[in-house]
Amino acid sequence: MGMFQRLSMSDSTIKTIDWGMTPDLSFGTFESWGGRERVRNNSERICYFFIDNWGAEPKLCLMERGVKHARILAEIGAPVKMVKECVRQQGSSSRFEKSYAINSAIKAWLIDHVVEALGDEYVRPVYVVKEAEEMGALPLKDVQPFTGRTSVLPSGPAVINDDQIEPLIKKWNFFDSVLNPDGRFDNALVDTGDGLTVTDERTGLMWQRAGLDIASNRTLQRNIEKLNSEKFAGFHDWRRPTMEEGLSLMEPEMNSKGLYLNPCFSREQPFIFVAAQRKPGGYWFIDYKQGRAFWSSGSIPGGFGRLCR
C-alpha cells in the first residue's frame, strides 16, 4: 500500500508532492494575498515535506496545506543525522520560526525510500482513520444475463500521436469533455461479489474498484508485478488498461465524488496511467476529474493505476 492511500487526506488534495513548497513560502501562498499563483482555488490542498524543530528532536513531516488550512499527515522516519544536518544548515525558514525546508539530501532520500519505494515502512501516519467511501450499488454478476451489444476493445500497448487521439475517441463514441462532449459509451457494470472488483459485461473486462497509489511509470510497473505475484482478487494477469479501455469507463456526467466515473469506483485514483506512449515523447493518462485524455512526461510523481484483466 502506498503513502497516499494510507493517509487520511482531504478530497481536494492534489495527490502529488510540491517539492518547491517551503514553510516560508506556504505562508505567502496560503495565509496572505501574495504568492497565490500556485493555488487555483481556496479549496485546493497540496502536500510538501518539511522539518519540524519545535520539540526536543527535529522531525521530518508531511504537511497538507491549503488556504487557512494546515494539517500534518505523517512523520517520516528519515535518518536522524541527516535531519539534524538540515536543521544545522537552517534550511530556508525565517529566523523566528523552527520549521525548515528540506535540503537536497533529504529530497533524494525521500524519493528513493518513500515516494518511489514499494513499501511505506518509514511513514508514520498522524491521521489513519478514514471515512468509509460510498461505492454505490451494482447488480450482482450472473443474476441476470447480459443481452446487450458487446464491444471488443484493443487490449495491447500502443503508441498514439496527438492527431490520433480525437479520431480514437470518436470511433468508440467515448465521452471527452473537450474532444467529444456529446459522447457516451454505456457500460454494463456488475458487482463480482468480492468487494475488490467489478466486471463490465459489455467489454468483458474485470476492473479494480480502487487501484494503485501515485507513482512514476517505472514504479507503477513494479507495483503491478507485485500485485500479480500476490494474486490480487485471485488472479495474476492484471495490467494497466489501454487508452480505449480506460476511456470506456468515462461517464458523461460528474458523480458526487467529482469524477466522470461510475461511483462504484474509488475517488482515490482521479487520473490513471494507460498502456499508451506518445510520439515524440511522453505517456498518456486519463483524467476522470477533468473528463479528458492527456499526456505528460511520466516522471515523478507520475500517475495512479486502475488495473484491468
C-alpha atoms as a PDB file:
ATOM      1  CA  MET A   1       0.000   0.000   0.000  1.00  0.00           C
ATOM      2  CA  GLY A   2       1.425   3.394  -0.936  1.00  0.00           C
ATOM      3  CA  MET A   3       1.847   6.503   1.125  1.00  0.00           C
ATOM      4  CA  PHE A   4      -1.115   8.455  -0.227  1.00  0.00           C
ATOM      5  CA  GLN A   5      -3.531   5.541   0.181  1.00  0.00           C
ATOM      6  CA  ARG A   6      -2.686   5.122   3.869  1.00  0.00           C
ATOM      7  CA  LEU A   7      -3.164   8.739   4.878  1.00  0.00           C
ATOM      8  CA  SER A   8      -6.406  10.500   5.741  1.00  0.00           C
ATOM      9  CA  MET A   9      -6.359  13.319   3.196  1.00  0.00           C
ATOM     10  CA  SER A  10      -8.849  15.948   2.136  1.00  0.00           C
ATOM     11  CA  ASP A  11     -10.841  15.106  -1.000  1.00  0.00           C
ATOM     12  CA  SER A  12      -9.474  18.242  -2.679  1.00  0.00           C
ATOM     13  CA  THR A  13      -5.829  17.357  -2.082  1.00  0.00           C
ATOM     14  CA  ILE A  14      -3.693  17.112  -5.203  1.00  0.00           C
ATOM     15  CA  LYS A  15      -2.029  13.776  -4.531  1.00  0.00           C
ATOM     16  CA  THR A  16       1.437  14.800  -5.600  1.00  0.00           C
ATOM     17  CA  ILE A  17       4.342  16.344  -3.720  1.00  0.00           C
ATOM     18  CA  ASP A  18       5.104  20.036  -4.248  1.00  0.00           C
ATOM     19  CA  TRP A  19       8.889  19.859  -3.955  1.00  0.00           C
ATOM     20  CA  GLY A  20       9.242  23.631  -4.253  1.00  0.00           C
ATOM     21  CA  MET A  21       6.992  24.461  -1.294  1.00  0.00           C
ATOM     22  CA  THR A  22       8.636  25.579   1.982  1.00  0.00           C
ATOM     23  CA  PRO A  23       7.265  26.757   5.349  1.00  0.00           C
ATOM     24  CA  ASP A  24       8.118  30.361   4.467  1.00  0.00           C
ATOM     25  CA  LEU A  25       6.547  30.155   1.020  1.00  0.00           C
ATOM     26  CA  SER A  26       3.445  28.429   2.370  1.00  0.00           C
ATOM     27  CA  PHE A  27       2.597  31.483   4.473  1.00  0.00           C
ATOM     28  CA  GLY A  28       2.701  33.774   1.459  1.00  0.00           C
ATOM     29  CA  THR A  29       0.738  31.268  -0.578  1.00  0.00           C
ATOM     30  CA  PHE A  30      -1.995  30.275   1.850  1.00  0.00           C
ATOM     31  CA  GLU A  31      -2.229  32.922   4.577  1.00  0.00           C
ATOM     32  CA  SER A  32      -1.755  36.205   2.711  1.00  0.00           C
ATOM     33  CA  TRP A  33      -2.803  37.700  -0.591  1.00  0.00           C
ATOM     34  CA  GLY A  34       0.634  37.377  -2.136  1.00  0.00           C
ATOM     35  CA  GLY A  35       2.165  34.381  -3.862  1.00  0.00           C
ATOM     36  CA  ARG A  36      -1.150  32.799  -4.805  1.00  0.00           C
ATOM     37  CA  GLU A  37      -0.097  31.809  -8.335  1.00  0.00           C
ATOM     38  CA  ARG A  38       0.407  28.211  -7.147  1.00  0.00           C
ATOM     39  CA  VAL A  39      -3.210  27.830  -5.993  1.00  0.00           C
ATOM     40  CA  ARG A  40      -6.185  27.615  -8.355  1.00  0.00           C
ATOM     41  CA  ASN A  41      -8.931  27.926  -5.753  1.00  0.00           C
ATOM     42  CA  ASN A  42      -9.447  28.276  -1.998  1.00  0.00           C
ATOM     43  CA  SER A  43     -10.432  24.627  -1.509  1.00  0.00           C
ATOM     44  CA  GLU A  44      -7.319  23.165  -3.153  1.00  0.00           C
ATOM     45  CA  ARG A  45      -4.798  21.299  -0.987  1.00  0.00           C
ATOM     46  CA  ILE A  46      -1.142  20.500  -1.675  1.00  0.00           C
ATOM     47  CA  CYS A  47       1.398  18.338   0.159  1.00  0.00           C
ATOM     48  CA  TYR A  48       5.014  19.053   0.960  1.00  0.00           C
ATOM     49  CA  PHE A  49       7.748  17.792   3.277  1.00  0.00           C
ATOM     50  CA  PHE A  50       9.328  19.970   5.962  1.00  0.00           C
ATOM     51  CA  ILE A  51      11.301  19.656   9.200  1.00  0.00           C
ATOM     52  CA  ASP A  52       9.564  20.404  12.499  1.00  0.00           C
ATOM     53  CA  ASN A  53      12.195  21.520  15.022  1.00  0.00           C
ATOM     54  CA  TRP A  54       9.899  22.763  17.778  1.00  0.00           C
ATOM     55  CA  GLY A  55      10.405  19.730  20.018  1.00  0.00           C
ATOM     56  CA  ALA A  56      13.399  18.094  21.652  1.00  0.00           C
ATOM     57  CA  GLU A  57      14.370  16.363  18.389  1.00  0.00           C
ATOM     58  CA  PRO A  58      13.761  17.540  14.803  1.00  0.00           C
ATOM     59  CA  LYS A  59      11.159  15.547  12.843  1.00  0.00           C
ATOM     60  CA  LEU A  60      10.649  15.173   9.111  1.00  0.00           C
ATOM     61  CA  CYS A  61       6.933  15.601   8.388  1.00  0.00           C
ATOM     62  CA  LEU A  62       4.466  15.556   5.516  1.00  0.00           C
ATOM     63  CA  MET A  63       2.149  18.570   5.524  1.00  0.00           C
ATOM     64  CA  GLU A  64      -1.229  19.016   3.833  1.00  0.00           C
ATOM     65  CA  ARG A  65      -1.708  22.738   3.184  1.00  0.00           C
ATOM     66  CA  GLY A  66      -4.446  24.941   1.799  1.00  0.00           C
ATOM     67  CA  VAL A  67      -5.910  28.400   2.267  1.00  0.00           C
ATOM     68  CA  LYS A  68      -6.421  28.750   6.028  1.00  0.00           C
ATOM     69  CA  HIS A  69      -5.716  25.010   6.347  1.00  0.00           C
ATOM     70  CA  ALA A  70      -2.665  23.204   7.720  1.00  0.00           C
ATOM     71  CA  ARG A  71      -2.505  19.589   8.849  1.00  0.00           C
ATOM     72  CA  ILE A  72       0.437  17.274   9.447  1.00  0.00           C
ATOM     73  CA  LEU A  73      -0.418  13.955   7.803  1.00  0.00           C
ATOM     74  CA  ALA A  74       2.595  11.887   8.806  1.00  0.00           C
ATOM     75  CA  GLU A  75       6.019  11.790  10.382  1.00  0.00           C
ATOM     76  CA  ILE A  76       8.748  10.276   8.214  1.00  0.00           C
ATOM     77  CA  GLY A  77      11.434   8.098   9.799  1.00  0.00           C
ATOM     78  CA  ALA A  78      14.415   9.576   7.980  1.00  0.00           C
ATOM     79  CA  PRO A  79      17.981   9.104   9.326  1.00  0.00           C
ATOM     80  CA  VAL A  80      18.329  11.363  12.373  1.00  0.00           C
ATOM     81  CA  LYS A  81      21.807  12.535  11.406  1.00  0.00           C
ATOM     82  CA  MET A  82      20.548  13.681   8.004  1.00  0.00           C
ATOM     83  CA  VAL A  83      17.624  15.597   9.527  1.00  0.00           C
ATOM     84  CA  LYS A  84      19.845  17.285  12.135  1.00  0.00           C
ATOM     85  CA  GLU A  85      22.305  18.338   9.460  1.00  0.00           C
ATOM     86  CA  CYS A  86      19.497  20.002   7.539  1.00  0.00           C
ATOM     87  CA  VAL A  87      18.490  21.862  10.698  1.00  0.00           C
ATOM     88  CA  ARG A  88      22.101  22.904  11.231  1.00  0.00           C
ATOM     89  CA  GLN A  89      22.058  24.426   7.774  1.00  0.00           C
ATOM     90  CA  GLN A  90      18.807  26.194   8.837  1.00  0.00           C
ATOM     91  CA  GLY A  91      17.037  25.371   5.568  1.00  0.00           C
ATOM     92  CA  SER A  92      15.198  28.417   4.284  1.00  0.00           C
ATOM     93  CA  SER A  93      12.892  29.203   7.205  1.00  0.00           C
ATOM     94  CA  SER A  94      12.648  32.619   8.795  1.00  0.00           C
ATOM     95  CA  ARG A  95      14.786  33.228  11.872  1.00  0.00           C
ATOM     96  CA  PHE A  96      11.715  33.430  14.137  1.00  0.00           C
ATOM     97  CA  GLU A  97      10.459  30.017  13.078  1.00  0.00           C
ATOM     98  CA  LYS A  98      11.599  26.481  13.804  1.00  0.00           C
ATOM     99  CA  SER A  99      10.105  24.904  10.701  1.00  0.00           C
ATOM    100  CA  TYR A 100      12.653  24.299   7.988  1.00  0.00           C
ATOM    101  CA  ALA A 101      12.659  23.488   4.304  1.00  0.00           C
ATOM    102  CA  ILE A 102      14.215  20.175   3.364  1.00  0.00           C
ATOM    103  CA  ASN A 103      17.575  20.126   1.587  1.00  0.00           C
ATOM    104  CA  SER A 104      18.686  18.201  -1.491  1.00  0.00           C
ATOM    105  CA  ALA A 105      19.994  15.246   0.538  1.00  0.00           C
ATOM    106  CA  ILE A 106      16.639  14.711   2.263  1.00  0.00           C
ATOM    107  CA  LYS A 107      14.774  15.125  -1.030  1.00  0.00           C
ATOM    108  CA  ALA A 108      16.930  12.424  -2.644  1.00  0.00           C
ATOM    109  CA  TRP A 109      16.395  10.111   0.346  1.00  0.00           C
ATOM    110  CA  LEU A 110      12.608  10.687   0.228  1.00  0.00           C
ATOM    111  CA  ILE A 111      12.439   9.867  -3.476  1.00  0.00           C
ATOM    112  CA  ASP A 112      14.435   6.650  -3.021  1.00  0.00           C
ATOM    113  CA  HIS A 113      12.879   5.404   0.234  1.00  0.00           C
ATOM    114  CA  VAL A 114       9.347   6.842   0.402  1.00  0.00           C
ATOM    115  CA  VAL A 115       7.949   8.338  -2.805  1.00  0.00           C
ATOM    116  CA  GLU A 116       9.458   5.777  -5.181  1.00  0.00           C
ATOM    117  CA  ALA A 117       9.546   2.826  -2.759  1.00  0.00           C
ATOM    118  CA  LEU A 118       7.324  -0.242  -2.858  1.00  0.00           C
ATOM    119  CA  GLY A 119       6.662  -0.147   0.871  1.00  0.00           C
ATOM    120  CA  ASP A 120       5.860   2.615   3.322  1.00  0.00           C
ATOM    121  CA  GLU A 121       7.702   1.442   6.438  1.00  0.00           C
ATOM    122  CA  TYR A 122       9.151   4.909   7.006  1.00  0.00           C
ATOM    123  CA  VAL A 123       5.721   6.607   7.031  1.00  0.00           C
ATOM    124  CA  ARG A 124       4.062   7.021  10.441  1.00  0.00           C
ATOM    125  CA  PRO A 125       0.560   8.411   9.825  1.00  0.00           C
ATOM    126  CA  VAL A 126      -0.744  11.046  12.203  1.00  0.00           C
ATOM    127  CA  TYR A 127      -4.293  10.576  10.900  1.00  0.00           C
ATOM    128  CA  VAL A 128      -5.000   6.956   9.961  1.00  0.00           C
ATOM    129  CA  VAL A 129      -8.774   6.542  10.198  1.00  0.00           C
ATOM    130  CA  LYS A 130     -10.609   7.476   7.005  1.00  0.00           C
ATOM    131  CA  GLU A 131     -14.317   7.819   6.489  1.00  0.00           C
ATOM    132  CA  ALA A 132     -15.671   4.887   4.509  1.00  0.00           C
ATOM    133  CA  GLU A 133     -16.191   5.846   0.888  1.00  0.00           C
ATOM    134  CA  GLU A 134     -19.627   5.359  -0.637  1.00  0.00           C
ATOM    135  CA  MET A 135     -19.187   2.952  -3.552  1.00  0.00           C
ATOM    136  CA  GLY A 136     -22.749   2.839  -4.879  1.00  0.00           C
ATOM    137  CA  ALA A 137     -24.740  -0.262  -5.726  1.00  0.00           C
ATOM    138  CA  LEU A 138     -24.460  -2.514  -8.777  1.00  0.00           C
ATOM    139  CA  PRO A 139     -26.388  -5.608  -9.874  1.00  0.00           C
ATOM    140  CA  LEU A 140     -24.664  -8.831  -8.900  1.00  0.00           C
ATOM    141  CA  LYS A 141     -22.809 -10.809 -11.540  1.00  0.00           C
ATOM    142  CA  ASP A 142     -24.734 -13.767 -13.040  1.00  0.00           C
ATOM    143  CA  VAL A 143     -28.080 -12.693 -11.548  1.00  0.00           C
ATOM    144  CA  GLN A 144     -29.394 -11.553 -14.922  1.00  0.00           C
ATOM    145  CA  PRO A 145     -27.594 -12.477 -18.165  1.00  0.00           C
ATOM    146  CA  PHE A 146     -26.346  -9.569 -20.280  1.00  0.00           C
ATOM    147  CA  THR A 147     -28.191  -9.418 -23.612  1.00  0.00           C
ATOM    148  CA  GLY A 148     -26.877  -6.135 -25.000  1.00  0.00           C
ATOM    149  CA  ARG A 149     -24.274  -5.423 -27.656  1.00  0.00           C
ATOM    150  CA  THR A 150     -20.720  -6.380 -26.668  1.00  0.00           C
ATOM    151  CA  SER A 151     -17.622  -4.432 -27.653  1.00  0.00           C
ATOM    152  CA  VAL A 152     -14.131  -5.863 -28.040  1.00  0.00           C
ATOM    153  CA  LEU A 153     -11.698  -3.069 -27.263  1.00  0.00           C
ATOM    154  CA  PRO A 154      -7.985  -3.053 -28.206  1.00  0.00           C
ATOM    155  CA  SER A 155      -6.060  -4.711 -25.389  1.00  0.00           C
ATOM    156  CA  GLY A 156      -2.406  -4.232 -26.314  1.00  0.00           C
ATOM    157  CA  PRO A 157       0.035  -1.364 -25.647  1.00  0.00           C
ATOM    158  CA  ALA A 158       0.041   1.364 -28.273  1.00  0.00           C
ATOM    159  CA  VAL A 159       1.859   4.465 -29.469  1.00  0.00           C
ATOM    160  CA  ILE A 160      -0.592   7.321 -30.029  1.00  0.00           C
ATOM    161  CA  ASN A 161       0.195  10.623 -31.715  1.00  0.00           C
ATOM    162  CA  ASP A 162      -1.605  13.826 -30.790  1.00  0.00           C
ATOM    163  CA  ASP A 163      -3.576  13.814 -34.039  1.00  0.00           C
ATOM    164  CA  GLN A 164      -4.798  10.251 -33.416  1.00  0.00           C
ATOM    165  CA  ILE A 165      -6.486  10.772 -30.060  1.00  0.00           C
ATOM    166  CA  GLU A 166      -9.619  12.598 -31.278  1.00  0.00           C
ATOM    167  CA  PRO A 167     -10.431  10.039 -34.033  1.00  0.00           C
ATOM    168  CA  LEU A 168      -9.904   7.236 -31.492  1.00  0.00           C
ATOM    169  CA  ILE A 169     -12.334   8.822 -29.047  1.00  0.00           C
ATOM    170  CA  LYS A 170     -14.965   9.460 -31.690  1.00  0.00           C
ATOM    171  CA  LYS A 171     -14.636   5.982 -33.220  1.00  0.00           C
ATOM    172  CA  TRP A 172     -15.971   4.446 -29.993  1.00  0.00           C
ATOM    173  CA  ASN A 173     -18.087   7.460 -29.031  1.00  0.00           C
ATOM    174  CA  PHE A 174     -16.260   7.840 -25.719  1.00  0.00           C
ATOM    175  CA  PHE A 175     -17.059  10.913 -23.666  1.00  0.00           C
ATOM    176  CA  ASP A 176     -14.294  13.524 -23.544  1.00  0.00           C
ATOM    177  CA  SER A 177     -15.143  16.924 -22.098  1.00  0.00           C
ATOM    178  CA  VAL A 178     -13.061  18.666 -24.788  1.00  0.00           C
ATOM    179  CA  LEU A 179     -12.866  16.397 -27.837  1.00  0.00           C
ATOM    180  CA  ASN A 180     -16.274  14.666 -27.702  1.00  0.00           C
ATOM    181  CA  PRO A 181     -18.569  16.273 -25.092  1.00  0.00           C
ATOM    182  CA  ASP A 182     -21.649  14.532 -26.553  1.00  0.00           C
ATOM    183  CA  GLY A 183     -20.064  11.079 -26.459  1.00  0.00           C
ATOM    184  CA  ARG A 184     -21.384   8.209 -24.398  1.00  0.00           C
ATOM    185  CA  PHE A 185     -20.213   4.616 -24.033  1.00  0.00           C
ATOM    186  CA  ASP A 186     -22.730   2.692 -21.964  1.00  0.00           C
ATOM    187  CA  ASN A 187     -21.146   0.087 -19.706  1.00  0.00           C
ATOM    188  CA  ALA A 188     -22.841  -2.948 -18.176  1.00  0.00           C
ATOM    189  CA  LEU A 189     -21.084  -2.985 -14.804  1.00  0.00           C
ATOM    190  CA  VAL A 190     -21.840  -5.753 -12.315  1.00  0.00           C
ATOM    191  CA  ASP A 191     -20.577  -6.481  -8.823  1.00  0.00           C
ATOM    192  CA  THR A 192     -18.363  -9.568  -8.816  1.00  0.00           C
ATOM    193  CA  GLY A 193     -19.076 -10.033  -5.100  1.00  0.00           C
ATOM    194  CA  ASP A 194     -15.536  -9.856  -3.735  1.00  0.00           C
ATOM    195  CA  GLY A 195     -15.615  -6.205  -2.656  1.00  0.00           C
ATOM    196  CA  LEU A 196     -12.496  -5.564  -4.739  1.00  0.00           C
ATOM    197  CA  THR A 197     -13.587  -5.721  -8.367  1.00  0.00           C
ATOM    198  CA  VAL A 198     -16.385  -5.057 -10.844  1.00  0.00           C
ATOM    199  CA  THR A 199     -16.936  -6.533 -14.291  1.00  0.00           C
ATOM    200  CA  ASP A 200     -18.143  -4.740 -17.394  1.00  0.00           C
ATOM    201  CA  GLU A 201     -20.230  -7.299 -19.258  1.00  0.00           C
ATOM    202  CA  ARG A 202     -20.233  -5.139 -22.372  1.00  0.00           C
ATOM    203  CA  THR A 203     -16.440  -5.297 -22.767  1.00  0.00           C
ATOM    204  CA  GLY A 204     -15.736  -8.444 -20.734  1.00  0.00           C
ATOM    205  CA  LEU A 205     -13.195  -6.579 -18.590  1.00  0.00           C
ATOM    206  CA  MET A 206     -12.767  -7.003 -14.852  1.00  0.00           C
ATOM    207  CA  TRP A 207     -11.671  -3.806 -13.076  1.00  0.00           C
ATOM    208  CA  GLN A 208     -10.253  -2.838  -9.719  1.00  0.00           C
ATOM    209  CA  ARG A 209     -12.740  -0.762  -7.731  1.00  0.00           C
ATOM    210  CA  ALA A 210      -9.801   1.138  -6.242  1.00  0.00           C
ATOM    211  CA  GLY A 211      -6.294   0.931  -7.657  1.00  0.00           C
ATOM    212  CA  LEU A 212      -2.615   1.688  -7.154  1.00  0.00           C
ATOM    213  CA  ASP A 213      -1.141   4.733  -5.447  1.00  0.00           C
ATOM    214  CA  ILE A 214       0.564   7.504  -7.379  1.00  0.00           C
ATOM    215  CA  ALA A 215       3.976   6.542  -8.771  1.00  0.00           C
ATOM    216  CA  SER A 216       6.268   7.055 -11.716  1.00  0.00           C
ATOM    217  CA  ASN A 217       5.798   4.870 -14.776  1.00  0.00           C
ATOM    218  CA  ARG A 218       8.679   2.625 -13.731  1.00  0.00           C
ATOM    219  CA  THR A 219       7.496   2.204 -10.141  1.00  0.00           C
ATOM    220  CA  LEU A 220       3.918   1.591 -11.214  1.00  0.00           C
ATOM    221  CA  GLN A 221       5.091  -1.326 -13.344  1.00  0.00           C
ATOM    222  CA  ARG A 222       6.920  -2.816 -10.358  1.00  0.00           C
ATOM    223  CA  ASN A 223       3.785  -2.428  -8.264  1.00  0.00           C
ATOM    224  CA  ILE A 224       1.723  -4.239 -10.905  1.00  0.00           C
ATOM    225  CA  GLU A 225       4.183  -7.125 -10.894  1.00  0.00           C
ATOM    226  CA  LYS A 226       3.991  -7.306  -7.091  1.00  0.00           C
ATOM    227  CA  LEU A 227       0.179  -7.276  -7.148  1.00  0.00           C
ATOM    228  CA  ASN A 228       0.164 -10.103  -9.706  1.00  0.00           C
ATOM    229  CA  SER A 229       2.622 -12.144  -7.668  1.00  0.00           C
ATOM    230  CA  GLU A 230       0.212 -11.832  -4.727  1.00  0.00           C
ATOM    231  CA  LYS A 231      -2.760 -12.856  -6.953  1.00  0.00           C
ATOM    232  CA  PHE A 232      -4.967  -9.849  -6.249  1.00  0.00           C
ATOM    233  CA  ALA A 233      -8.639 -10.948  -6.150  1.00  0.00           C
ATOM    234  CA  GLY A 234      -7.420 -14.440  -7.101  1.00  0.00           C
ATOM    235  CA  PHE A 235      -5.818 -13.501 -10.457  1.00  0.00           C
ATOM    236  CA  HIS A 236      -2.287 -12.897 -11.694  1.00  0.00           C
ATOM    237  CA  ASP A 237      -2.892 -11.220 -15.061  1.00  0.00           C
ATOM    238  CA  TRP A 238      -3.712  -7.657 -14.010  1.00  0.00           C
ATOM    239  CA  ARG A 239      -2.433  -4.910 -16.302  1.00  0.00           C
ATOM    240  CA  ARG A 240      -2.836  -1.230 -16.965  1.00  0.00           C
ATOM    241  CA  PRO A 241      -5.710  -0.569 -19.392  1.00  0.00           C
ATOM    242  CA  THR A 242      -5.294   0.573 -22.956  1.00  0.00           C
ATOM    243  CA  MET A 243      -6.442   4.057 -23.924  1.00  0.00           C
ATOM    244  CA  GLU A 244      -9.708   2.629 -25.258  1.00  0.00           C
ATOM    245  CA  GLU A 245     -10.308   0.516 -22.153  1.00  0.00           C
ATOM    246  CA  GLY A 246      -9.665   3.385 -19.772  1.00  0.00           C
ATOM    247  CA  LEU A 247     -11.859   5.791 -21.741  1.00  0.00           C
ATOM    248  CA  SER A 248     -14.657   3.223 -21.795  1.00  0.00           C
ATOM    249  CA  LEU A 249     -15.210   3.949 -18.085  1.00  0.00           C
ATOM    250  CA  MET A 250     -15.619   7.704 -18.641  1.00  0.00           C
ATOM    251  CA  GLU A 251     -19.132   8.862 -17.720  1.00  0.00           C
ATOM    252  CA  PRO A 252     -20.697  11.944 -19.386  1.00  0.00           C
ATOM    253  CA  GLU A 253     -21.985  13.237 -16.029  1.00  0.00           C
ATOM    254  CA  MET A 254     -19.839  14.008 -12.995  1.00  0.00           C
ATOM    255  CA  ASN A 255     -20.641  11.858  -9.959  1.00  0.00           C
ATOM    256  CA  SER A 256     -20.975  13.015  -6.342  1.00  0.00           C
ATOM    257  CA  LYS A 257     -17.237  12.436  -5.860  1.00  0.00           C
ATOM    258  CA  GLY A 258     -16.402  14.991  -8.533  1.00  0.00           C
ATOM    259  CA  LEU A 259     -15.328  12.423 -11.149  1.00  0.00           C
ATOM    260  CA  TYR A 260     -16.656  11.489 -14.591  1.00  0.00           C
ATOM    261  CA  LEU A 261     -16.850   7.898 -13.429  1.00  0.00           C
ATOM    262  CA  ASN A 262     -19.344   5.405 -12.046  1.00  0.00           C
ATOM    263  CA  PRO A 263     -19.461   5.847  -8.230  1.00  0.00           C
ATOM    264  CA  CYS A 264     -18.625   2.149  -7.785  1.00  0.00           C
ATOM    265  CA  PHE A 265     -15.002   3.194  -8.419  1.00  0.00           C
ATOM    266  CA  SER A 266     -12.906   4.873  -5.737  1.00  0.00           C
ATOM    267  CA  ARG A 267     -12.221   8.607  -5.880  1.00  0.00           C
ATOM    268  CA  GLU A 268      -8.621   7.945  -4.773  1.00  0.00           C
ATOM    269  CA  GLN A 269      -7.414   7.432  -8.386  1.00  0.00           C
ATOM    270  CA  PRO A 270      -8.575  10.620 -10.166  1.00  0.00           C
ATOM    271  CA  PHE A 271      -6.187  10.153 -13.103  1.00  0.00           C
ATOM    272  CA  ILE A 272      -4.532   6.953 -14.282  1.00  0.00           C
ATOM    273  CA  PHE A 273      -1.735   5.721 -16.491  1.00  0.00           C
ATOM    274  CA  VAL A 274      -2.818   3.809 -19.600  1.00  0.00           C
ATOM    275  CA  ALA A 275      -0.773   1.435 -21.756  1.00  0.00           C
ATOM    276  CA  ALA A 276      -0.014   4.054 -24.373  1.00  0.00           C
ATOM    277  CA  GLN A 277       3.030   6.150 -25.152  1.00  0.00           C
ATOM    278  CA  ARG A 278       3.068   9.371 -27.133  1.00  0.00           C
ATOM    279  CA  LYS A 279       5.171  10.396 -30.075  1.00  0.00           C
ATOM    280  CA  PRO A 280       7.526  12.223 -29.960  1.00  0.00           C
ATOM    281  CA  GLY A 281       7.657  11.544 -26.196  1.00  0.00           C
ATOM    282  CA  GLY A 282       5.658  11.098 -23.013  1.00  0.00           C
ATOM    283  CA  TYR A 283       2.917   8.870 -21.624  1.00  0.00           C
ATOM    284  CA  TRP A 284      -0.846   9.068 -21.936  1.00  0.00           C
ATOM    285  CA  PHE A 285      -3.157   9.364 -18.945  1.00  0.00           C
ATOM    286  CA  ILE A 286      -6.907   9.552 -18.436  1.00  0.00           C
ATOM    287  CA  ASP A 287      -8.124  12.280 -16.108  1.00  0.00           C
ATOM    288  CA  TYR A 288     -11.532  11.372 -14.671  1.00  0.00           C
ATOM    289  CA  LYS A 289     -11.639  14.644 -12.760  1.00  0.00           C
ATOM    290  CA  GLN A 290     -11.409  16.800 -15.882  1.00  0.00           C
ATOM    291  CA  GLY A 291     -13.038  14.214 -18.155  1.00  0.00           C
ATOM    292  CA  ARG A 292     -10.293  14.013 -20.742  1.00  0.00           C
ATOM    293  CA  ALA A 293      -7.231  12.225 -22.036  1.00  0.00           C
ATOM    294  CA  PHE A 294      -3.888  13.988 -21.664  1.00  0.00           C
ATOM    295  CA  TRP A 295      -0.178  13.287 -21.870  1.00  0.00           C
ATOM    296  CA  SER A 296       2.776  14.023 -19.621  1.00  0.00           C
ATOM    297  CA  SER A 297       6.390  13.003 -19.201  1.00  0.00           C
ATOM    298  CA  GLY A 298       5.576  10.194 -16.763  1.00  0.00           C
ATOM    299  CA  SER A 299       8.320  11.309 -14.392  1.00  0.00           C
ATOM    300  CA  ILE A 300       7.974  11.745 -10.637  1.00  0.00           C
ATOM    301  CA  PRO A 301       5.345  11.874  -9.216  1.00  0.00           C
ATOM    302  CA  GLY A 302       3.623  10.231 -12.185  1.00  0.00           C
ATOM    303  CA  GLY A 303       0.093   8.873 -12.048  1.00  0.00           C
ATOM    304  CA  PHE A 304      -2.234   6.424 -10.356  1.00  0.00           C
ATOM    305  CA  GLY A 305      -3.189   2.968 -11.591  1.00  0.00           C
ATOM    306  CA  ARG A 306      -6.577   1.324 -12.021  1.00  0.00           C
ATOM    307  CA  LEU A 307      -5.901  -2.128 -13.421  1.00  0.00           C
ATOM    308  CA  CYS A 308      -7.999  -4.453 -15.508  1.00  0.00           C
ATOM    309  CA  ARG A 309      -7.812  -8.012 -16.817  1.00  0.00           C
END
